N, C-alpha and C. Protein backbone atom coordinates (compact mmCIF):
# COMPACT_ATOMS: atom_id res chain seq x y z
N MET A 1 0.83 -1.19 0.00
CA MET A 1 0.00 0.00 0.00
C MET A 1 0.87 1.26 0.00
N THR A 2 1.89 1.30 0.86
CA THR A 2 2.73 2.51 0.92
C THR A 2 3.52 2.70 -0.37
N THR A 3 3.87 1.60 -1.04
CA THR A 3 4.60 1.72 -2.29
C THR A 3 3.73 2.37 -3.36
N LEU A 4 2.46 1.98 -3.41
CA LEU A 4 1.54 2.55 -4.39
C LEU A 4 1.35 4.04 -4.14
N VAL A 5 1.17 4.42 -2.88
CA VAL A 5 1.00 5.83 -2.54
C VAL A 5 2.27 6.60 -2.87
N TRP A 6 3.41 6.01 -2.54
CA TRP A 6 4.69 6.68 -2.80
C TRP A 6 4.90 6.89 -4.30
N ASN A 7 4.65 5.90 -5.11
CA ASN A 7 4.83 6.02 -6.56
C ASN A 7 3.87 7.05 -7.15
N THR A 8 2.64 7.06 -6.67
CA THR A 8 1.67 8.04 -7.16
C THR A 8 2.10 9.45 -6.78
N THR A 9 2.57 9.64 -5.57
CA THR A 9 3.02 10.95 -5.12
C THR A 9 4.24 11.40 -5.91
N CYS A 10 5.16 10.51 -6.16
CA CYS A 10 6.36 10.84 -6.93
C CYS A 10 5.99 11.25 -8.35
N ALA A 11 5.07 10.53 -8.96
CA ALA A 11 4.65 10.86 -10.32
C ALA A 11 3.99 12.24 -10.35
N LEU A 12 3.19 12.53 -9.37
CA LEU A 12 2.53 13.83 -9.29
C LEU A 12 3.56 14.94 -9.09
N CYS A 13 4.50 14.73 -8.20
CA CYS A 13 5.54 15.74 -7.94
C CYS A 13 6.39 15.98 -9.19
N GLU A 14 6.72 14.93 -9.91
CA GLU A 14 7.50 15.09 -11.13
C GLU A 14 6.74 15.88 -12.18
N ALA A 15 5.44 15.62 -12.31
CA ALA A 15 4.63 16.36 -13.28
C ALA A 15 4.54 17.83 -12.90
N VAL A 16 4.32 18.11 -11.62
CA VAL A 16 4.23 19.50 -11.16
C VAL A 16 5.58 20.19 -11.35
N ALA A 17 6.65 19.52 -11.03
CA ALA A 17 7.99 20.11 -11.20
C ALA A 17 8.27 20.40 -12.68
N HIS A 18 7.82 19.53 -13.55
CA HIS A 18 8.01 19.74 -14.99
C HIS A 18 7.29 21.00 -15.45
N TYR A 19 6.04 21.17 -15.03
CA TYR A 19 5.28 22.35 -15.46
C TYR A 19 5.79 23.63 -14.81
N ILE A 20 6.27 23.55 -13.60
CA ILE A 20 6.88 24.72 -12.97
C ILE A 20 8.15 25.10 -13.71
N ASP A 21 8.93 24.13 -14.12
CA ASP A 21 10.15 24.39 -14.89
C ASP A 21 9.82 25.09 -16.21
N ILE A 22 8.81 24.61 -16.91
CA ILE A 22 8.39 25.24 -18.17
C ILE A 22 7.95 26.67 -17.91
N PHE A 23 7.14 26.88 -16.88
CA PHE A 23 6.65 28.22 -16.55
C PHE A 23 7.81 29.17 -16.25
N LEU A 24 8.75 28.73 -15.46
CA LEU A 24 9.88 29.59 -15.09
C LEU A 24 10.75 29.94 -16.30
N LYS A 25 10.95 29.00 -17.19
CA LYS A 25 11.73 29.28 -18.40
C LYS A 25 11.02 30.30 -19.28
N LYS A 26 9.71 30.16 -19.43
CA LYS A 26 8.95 31.12 -20.24
C LYS A 26 8.91 32.49 -19.58
N ALA A 27 8.77 32.54 -18.26
CA ALA A 27 8.78 33.81 -17.55
C ALA A 27 10.14 34.49 -17.69
N ASN A 28 11.20 33.72 -17.59
CA ASN A 28 12.55 34.26 -17.76
C ASN A 28 12.72 34.85 -19.16
N SER A 29 12.28 34.14 -20.17
CA SER A 29 12.36 34.65 -21.54
C SER A 29 11.56 35.94 -21.71
N PHE A 30 10.39 36.00 -21.09
CA PHE A 30 9.56 37.19 -21.18
C PHE A 30 10.27 38.39 -20.57
N PHE A 31 10.83 38.24 -19.39
CA PHE A 31 11.48 39.37 -18.73
C PHE A 31 12.77 39.79 -19.43
N ILE A 32 13.49 38.84 -20.00
CA ILE A 32 14.67 39.19 -20.80
C ILE A 32 14.24 40.00 -22.00
N SER A 33 13.19 39.54 -22.67
CA SER A 33 12.69 40.24 -23.85
C SER A 33 12.20 41.64 -23.48
N ALA A 34 11.51 41.78 -22.36
CA ALA A 34 11.03 43.09 -21.92
C ALA A 34 12.20 44.02 -21.62
N GLY A 35 13.25 43.51 -21.05
CA GLY A 35 14.43 44.32 -20.76
C GLY A 35 15.10 44.83 -22.02
N TYR A 36 15.25 43.94 -23.00
CA TYR A 36 15.82 44.35 -24.28
C TYR A 36 14.93 45.39 -24.96
N ALA A 37 13.63 45.19 -24.91
CA ALA A 37 12.71 46.13 -25.55
C ALA A 37 12.79 47.51 -24.90
N ARG A 38 12.89 47.52 -23.59
CA ARG A 38 13.00 48.81 -22.90
C ARG A 38 14.32 49.50 -23.27
N ALA A 39 15.40 48.75 -23.30
CA ALA A 39 16.69 49.34 -23.66
C ALA A 39 16.65 49.88 -25.09
N ALA A 40 16.05 49.11 -25.99
CA ALA A 40 15.96 49.56 -27.38
C ALA A 40 15.08 50.80 -27.51
N SER A 41 14.01 50.87 -26.73
CA SER A 41 13.14 52.05 -26.80
C SER A 41 13.87 53.29 -26.29
N GLN A 42 14.71 53.12 -25.27
CA GLN A 42 15.48 54.25 -24.77
C GLN A 42 16.52 54.71 -25.80
N LEU A 43 17.14 53.76 -26.47
CA LEU A 43 18.09 54.12 -27.53
C LEU A 43 17.37 54.87 -28.66
N ALA A 44 16.21 54.36 -29.06
CA ALA A 44 15.47 55.01 -30.14
C ALA A 44 14.99 56.39 -29.72
N ALA A 45 14.59 56.54 -28.47
CA ALA A 45 14.14 57.84 -27.99
C ALA A 45 15.26 58.87 -28.03
N ARG A 46 16.49 58.42 -27.92
CA ARG A 46 17.64 59.32 -27.96
C ARG A 46 18.21 59.46 -29.37
N GLY A 47 17.52 58.84 -30.36
CA GLY A 47 17.94 58.99 -31.74
C GLY A 47 18.91 57.95 -32.24
N HIS A 48 19.20 56.96 -31.46
CA HIS A 48 20.15 55.90 -31.85
C HIS A 48 19.37 54.73 -32.47
N TYR A 49 18.79 54.97 -33.65
CA TYR A 49 17.93 53.98 -34.27
C TYR A 49 18.70 52.75 -34.74
N LYS A 50 19.88 52.97 -35.27
CA LYS A 50 20.69 51.85 -35.75
C LYS A 50 21.05 50.92 -34.60
N GLU A 51 21.47 51.49 -33.48
CA GLU A 51 21.83 50.68 -32.31
C GLU A 51 20.62 49.96 -31.73
N ALA A 52 19.47 50.64 -31.72
CA ALA A 52 18.25 50.01 -31.21
C ALA A 52 17.86 48.80 -32.06
N LYS A 53 17.98 48.95 -33.37
CA LYS A 53 17.67 47.83 -34.27
C LYS A 53 18.65 46.68 -34.06
N GLN A 54 19.93 47.01 -33.92
CA GLN A 54 20.93 45.96 -33.68
C GLN A 54 20.65 45.23 -32.36
N LEU A 55 20.25 45.97 -31.35
CA LEU A 55 19.95 45.36 -30.05
C LEU A 55 18.78 44.40 -30.16
N MET A 56 17.74 44.78 -30.87
CA MET A 56 16.57 43.91 -31.00
C MET A 56 16.90 42.67 -31.85
N MET A 57 17.76 42.82 -32.85
CA MET A 57 18.17 41.66 -33.64
C MET A 57 19.03 40.72 -32.79
N TYR A 58 19.88 41.29 -31.97
CA TYR A 58 20.72 40.49 -31.07
C TYR A 58 19.84 39.75 -30.06
N LYS A 59 18.80 40.45 -29.57
CA LYS A 59 17.89 39.85 -28.60
C LYS A 59 17.22 38.62 -29.19
N ASP A 60 16.77 38.68 -30.44
CA ASP A 60 16.12 37.55 -31.07
C ASP A 60 17.05 36.35 -31.15
N GLU A 61 18.31 36.59 -31.44
CA GLU A 61 19.29 35.50 -31.50
C GLU A 61 19.52 34.90 -30.11
N GLU A 62 19.62 35.74 -29.10
CA GLU A 62 19.89 35.26 -27.74
C GLU A 62 18.70 34.50 -27.17
N ILE A 63 17.50 35.00 -27.40
CA ILE A 63 16.30 34.33 -26.87
C ILE A 63 16.12 32.96 -27.53
N SER A 64 16.44 32.86 -28.80
CA SER A 64 16.28 31.57 -29.48
C SER A 64 17.25 30.51 -28.95
N LYS A 65 18.33 30.94 -28.31
CA LYS A 65 19.29 29.98 -27.73
C LYS A 65 18.78 29.37 -26.43
N LEU A 66 17.85 30.05 -25.77
CA LEU A 66 17.35 29.55 -24.48
C LEU A 66 16.55 28.33 -24.60
């Protein structure tokens, strides 16, 4: 009986841990992307359009590596 309960609990914990891992990775990507967007908007606001574009292109490459 305890083995059945233990195996069921372990399976549930592994599933929850898997979905928490996915959520945290997606949240991390979102905040990285938001940071790059804010930096690029500040560059563009100061007239550095070329640098802002390069930053956003770099961001796309870095996010795809995650």
